[in-house]
C-alpha atoms as a PDB file:
ATOM      1  CA  MET A   1      -0.183  -0.041   0.069  1.00  0.00           C
ATOM      2  CA  LYS A   2       1.438   3.405  -0.447  1.00  0.00           C
ATOM      3  CA  VAL A   3       1.735   6.213   1.610  1.00  0.00           C
ATOM      4  CA  LYS A   4      -1.139   8.103  -0.494  1.00  0.00           C
ATOM      5  CA  GLU A   5      -3.655   6.143   0.082  1.00  0.00           C
ATOM      6  CA  ILE A   6      -3.154   5.675   3.622  1.00  0.00           C
ATOM      7  CA  VAL A   7      -3.436   9.192   4.044  1.00  0.00           C
ATOM      8  CA  ASP A   8      -6.685   9.159   2.300  1.00  0.00           C
ATOM      9  CA  LEU A   9      -8.079   6.463   3.817  1.00  0.00           C
ATOM     10  CA  LEU A  10      -6.947   7.912   7.231  1.00  0.00           C
ATOM     11  CA  SER A  11      -8.266  11.438   6.407  1.00  0.00           C
ATOM     12  CA  LEU A  12      -4.444  12.339   7.152  1.00  0.00           C
ATOM     13  CA  LYS A  13      -2.489  16.241   6.961  1.00  0.00           C
ATOM     14  CA  VAL A  14      -0.042  16.247   5.133  1.00  0.00           C
ATOM     15  CA  TYR A  15       2.830  18.763   6.717  1.00  0.00           C
ATOM     16  CA  SER A  16       5.624  18.404   4.081  1.00  0.00           C
ATOM     17  CA  CYS A  17       6.543  15.865   0.893  1.00  0.00           C
ATOM     18  CA  GLU A  18       3.111  15.877  -0.645  1.00  0.00           C
ATOM     19  CA  ASP A  19       5.348  14.891  -3.624  1.00  0.00           C
ATOM     20  CA  SER A  20       6.492  11.489  -1.517  1.00  0.00           C
ATOM     21  CA  LEU A  21       3.322  10.079  -0.898  1.00  0.00           C
ATOM     22  CA  GLN A  22       3.846   7.207  -3.496  1.00  0.00           C
ATOM     23  CA  GLY A  23       6.455   5.250  -1.018  1.00  0.00           C
ATOM     24  CA  GLU A  24       5.365   1.569  -0.257  1.00  0.00           C
ATOM     25  CA  VAL A  25       3.991   0.913   3.636  1.00  0.00           C
ATOM     26  CA  THR A  26       4.988  -2.225   4.724  1.00  0.00           C
ATOM     27  CA  GLY A  27       4.141  -1.736   8.480  1.00  0.00           C
ATOM     28  CA  GLY A  28       3.263   0.467  10.940  1.00  0.00           C
ATOM     29  CA  TYR A  29       5.571   1.323  14.414  1.00  0.00           C
ATOM     30  CA  ALA A  30       4.082   2.958  17.154  1.00  0.00           C
ATOM     31  CA  SER A  31       6.419   4.684  19.998  1.00  0.00           C
ATOM     32  CA  ASP A  32       7.538   7.902  21.251  1.00  0.00           C
ATOM     33  CA  LEU A  33      11.410   7.265  21.928  1.00  0.00           C
ATOM     34  CA  LEU A  34      13.544   7.630  19.492  1.00  0.00           C
ATOM     35  CA  SER A  35      16.019   5.246  20.559  1.00  0.00           C
ATOM     36  CA  ASP A  36      13.361   2.413  20.566  1.00  0.00           C
ATOM     37  CA  VAL A  37      12.252   3.648  16.744  1.00  0.00           C
ATOM     38  CA  MET A  38      16.445   3.269  15.984  1.00  0.00           C
ATOM     39  CA  GLY A  39      16.477   0.046  17.599  1.00  0.00           C
ATOM     40  CA  HIS A  40      13.105  -1.715  16.622  1.00  0.00           C
ATOM     41  CA  SER A  41      11.163  -0.023  13.734  1.00  0.00           C
ATOM     42  CA  LYS A  42      11.405  -1.522  10.114  1.00  0.00           C
ATOM     43  CA  GLU A  43      12.107   0.078   6.746  1.00  0.00           C
ATOM     44  CA  GLY A  44       8.849   0.891   4.793  1.00  0.00           C
ATOM     45  CA  GLN A  45       7.018   0.942   8.012  1.00  0.00           C
ATOM     46  CA  VAL A  46       4.943   4.578   9.526  1.00  0.00           C
ATOM     47  CA  TRP A  47       5.924   5.678  12.198  1.00  0.00           C
ATOM     48  CA  ILE A  48       3.252   7.269  14.605  1.00  0.00           C
ATOM     49  CA  THR A  49       4.492   9.207  17.798  1.00  0.00           C
ATOM     50  CA  LEU A  50       3.580  12.796  19.447  1.00  0.00           C
ATOM     51  CA  GLN A  51       6.780  13.737  19.147  1.00  0.00           C
ATOM     52  CA  THR A  52       7.252  17.341  16.957  1.00  0.00           C
ATOM     53  CA  HIS A  53      10.847  18.051  16.904  1.00  0.00           C
ATOM     54  CA  LYS A  54      12.981  17.804  14.063  1.00  0.00           C
ATOM     55  CA  ASN A  55      15.054  14.599  16.059  1.00  0.00           C
ATOM     56  CA  ILE A  56      12.042  12.690  14.414  1.00  0.00           C
ATOM     57  CA  MET A  57      12.652  12.900  11.068  1.00  0.00           C
ATOM     58  CA  GLY A  58      16.485  12.113  11.699  1.00  0.00           C
ATOM     59  CA  VAL A  59      15.344   9.263  13.520  1.00  0.00           C
ATOM     60  CA  ALA A  60      13.033   8.257  10.464  1.00  0.00           C
ATOM     61  CA  SER A  61      15.596   8.992   7.183  1.00  0.00           C
ATOM     62  CA  LEU A  62      18.302   6.814   9.008  1.00  0.00           C
ATOM     63  CA  ARG A  63      15.741   3.626   9.289  1.00  0.00           C
ATOM     64  CA  ASP A  64      14.031   4.466   5.960  1.00  0.00           C
ATOM     65  CA  LEU A  65      10.284   5.177   7.207  1.00  0.00           C
ATOM     66  CA  SER A  66       7.727   5.736   4.798  1.00  0.00           C
ATOM     67  CA  ALA A  67       6.380   8.664   6.836  1.00  0.00           C
ATOM     68  CA  VAL A  68       6.079  10.207  10.437  1.00  0.00           C
ATOM     69  CA  ILE A  69       2.520  10.126  11.621  1.00  0.00           C
ATOM     70  CA  LEU A  70       2.038  12.687  14.275  1.00  0.00           C
ATOM     71  CA  VAL A  71      -1.360  12.021  16.649  1.00  0.00           C
ATOM     72  CA  LYS A  72      -3.664  13.916  19.186  1.00  0.00           C
ATOM     73  CA  GLY A  73      -3.613  17.196  16.434  1.00  0.00           C
ATOM     74  CA  PHE A  74       0.424  17.772  17.563  1.00  0.00           C
ATOM     75  CA  THR A  75       1.621  19.937  14.654  1.00  0.00           C
ATOM     76  CA  PRO A  76       5.068  20.426  14.067  1.00  0.00           C
ATOM     77  CA  ASP A  77       8.003  22.704  14.434  1.00  0.00           C
ATOM     78  CA  ASP A  78       9.361  24.987  11.333  1.00  0.00           C
ATOM     79  CA  GLU A  79      12.751  23.531  11.696  1.00  0.00           C
ATOM     80  CA  THR A  80      10.797  19.719  11.493  1.00  0.00           C
ATOM     81  CA  VAL A  81       8.952  20.456   8.415  1.00  0.00           C
ATOM     82  CA  LYS A  82      12.314  21.675   6.540  1.00  0.00           C
ATOM     83  CA  LEU A  83      14.214  18.411   7.927  1.00  0.00           C
ATOM     84  CA  SER A  84      11.231  16.061   6.283  1.00  0.00           C
ATOM     85  CA  VAL A  85      11.612  18.002   2.900  1.00  0.00           C
ATOM     86  CA  THR A  86      15.576  17.802   2.857  1.00  0.00           C
ATOM     87  CA  GLU A  87      15.391  14.003   3.847  1.00  0.00           C
ATOM     88  CA  GLY A  88      12.272  12.960   1.570  1.00  0.00           C
ATOM     89  CA  VAL A  89       9.871  11.812   4.523  1.00  0.00           C
ATOM     90  CA  PRO A  90       6.347  12.666   4.559  1.00  0.00           C
ATOM     91  CA  LEU A  91       5.112  14.383   7.625  1.00  0.00           C
ATOM     92  CA  LEU A  92       1.515  13.898   8.360  1.00  0.00           C
ATOM     93  CA  GLY A  93      -1.200  15.081  11.233  1.00  0.00           C
ATOM     94  CA  SER A  94      -3.971  13.465  12.644  1.00  0.00           C
ATOM     95  CA  ASP A  95      -6.542  14.339  15.425  1.00  0.00           C
ATOM     96  CA  MET A  96      -6.715  10.801  16.409  1.00  0.00           C
ATOM     97  CA  GLU A  97      -5.149   9.574  19.307  1.00  0.00           C
ATOM     98  CA  ALA A  98      -2.387   7.270  19.099  1.00  0.00           C
ATOM     99  CA  PHE A  99      -4.222   4.243  20.223  1.00  0.00           C
ATOM    100  CA  GLU A 100      -6.938   4.599  17.845  1.00  0.00           C
ATOM    101  CA  LEU A 101      -4.662   5.861  14.799  1.00  0.00           C
ATOM    102  CA  CYS A 102      -2.963   2.074  15.311  1.00  0.00           C
ATOM    103  CA  GLY A 103      -5.575   0.557  15.248  1.00  0.00           C
ATOM    104  CA  LYS A 104      -7.172   2.287  12.121  1.00  0.00           C
ATOM    105  CA  LEU A 105      -3.590   1.620  10.571  1.00  0.00           C
ATOM    106  CA  TYR A 106      -3.423  -2.187  11.558  1.00  0.00           C
ATOM    107  CA  GLU A 107      -7.254  -2.613  10.118  1.00  0.00           C
ATOM    108  CA  VAL A 108      -6.418  -0.631   6.855  1.00  0.00           C
ATOM    109  CA  LEU A 109      -2.743  -2.749   6.252  1.00  0.00           C
ATOM    110  CA  GLY A 110      -4.660  -6.217   7.166  1.00  0.00           C
ATOM    111  CA  THR A 111      -6.961  -5.561   4.154  1.00  0.00           C
ATOM    112  CA  GLN A 112      -4.000  -5.588   1.907  1.00  0.00           C
ATOM    113  CA  LYS A 113      -2.957  -9.329   2.546  1.00  0.00           C
END
């Protein structure tokens, strides 16, 4: 499934990299600890977090993640958006709580098998 399809199905906001939404999504990872994401996420996953600072984009790029989704209506600061563009990793947002978004993402990805 493409990032664009997830954006459409889950009504996500696109904060950056609208031209990079064709990346393939292999799964999801939810965590707010950067070290956890660095150690355990897998290439192609979408990362769900409430962190909004620029370091999330460095981690997302390092792990070759397909996108980062901010939850609870949190918005990224300008530095985070700039780094997202530099790294080519879409930065998305949702008003949903992390638990709800994880469930919906799991449902959506599960229908693709």
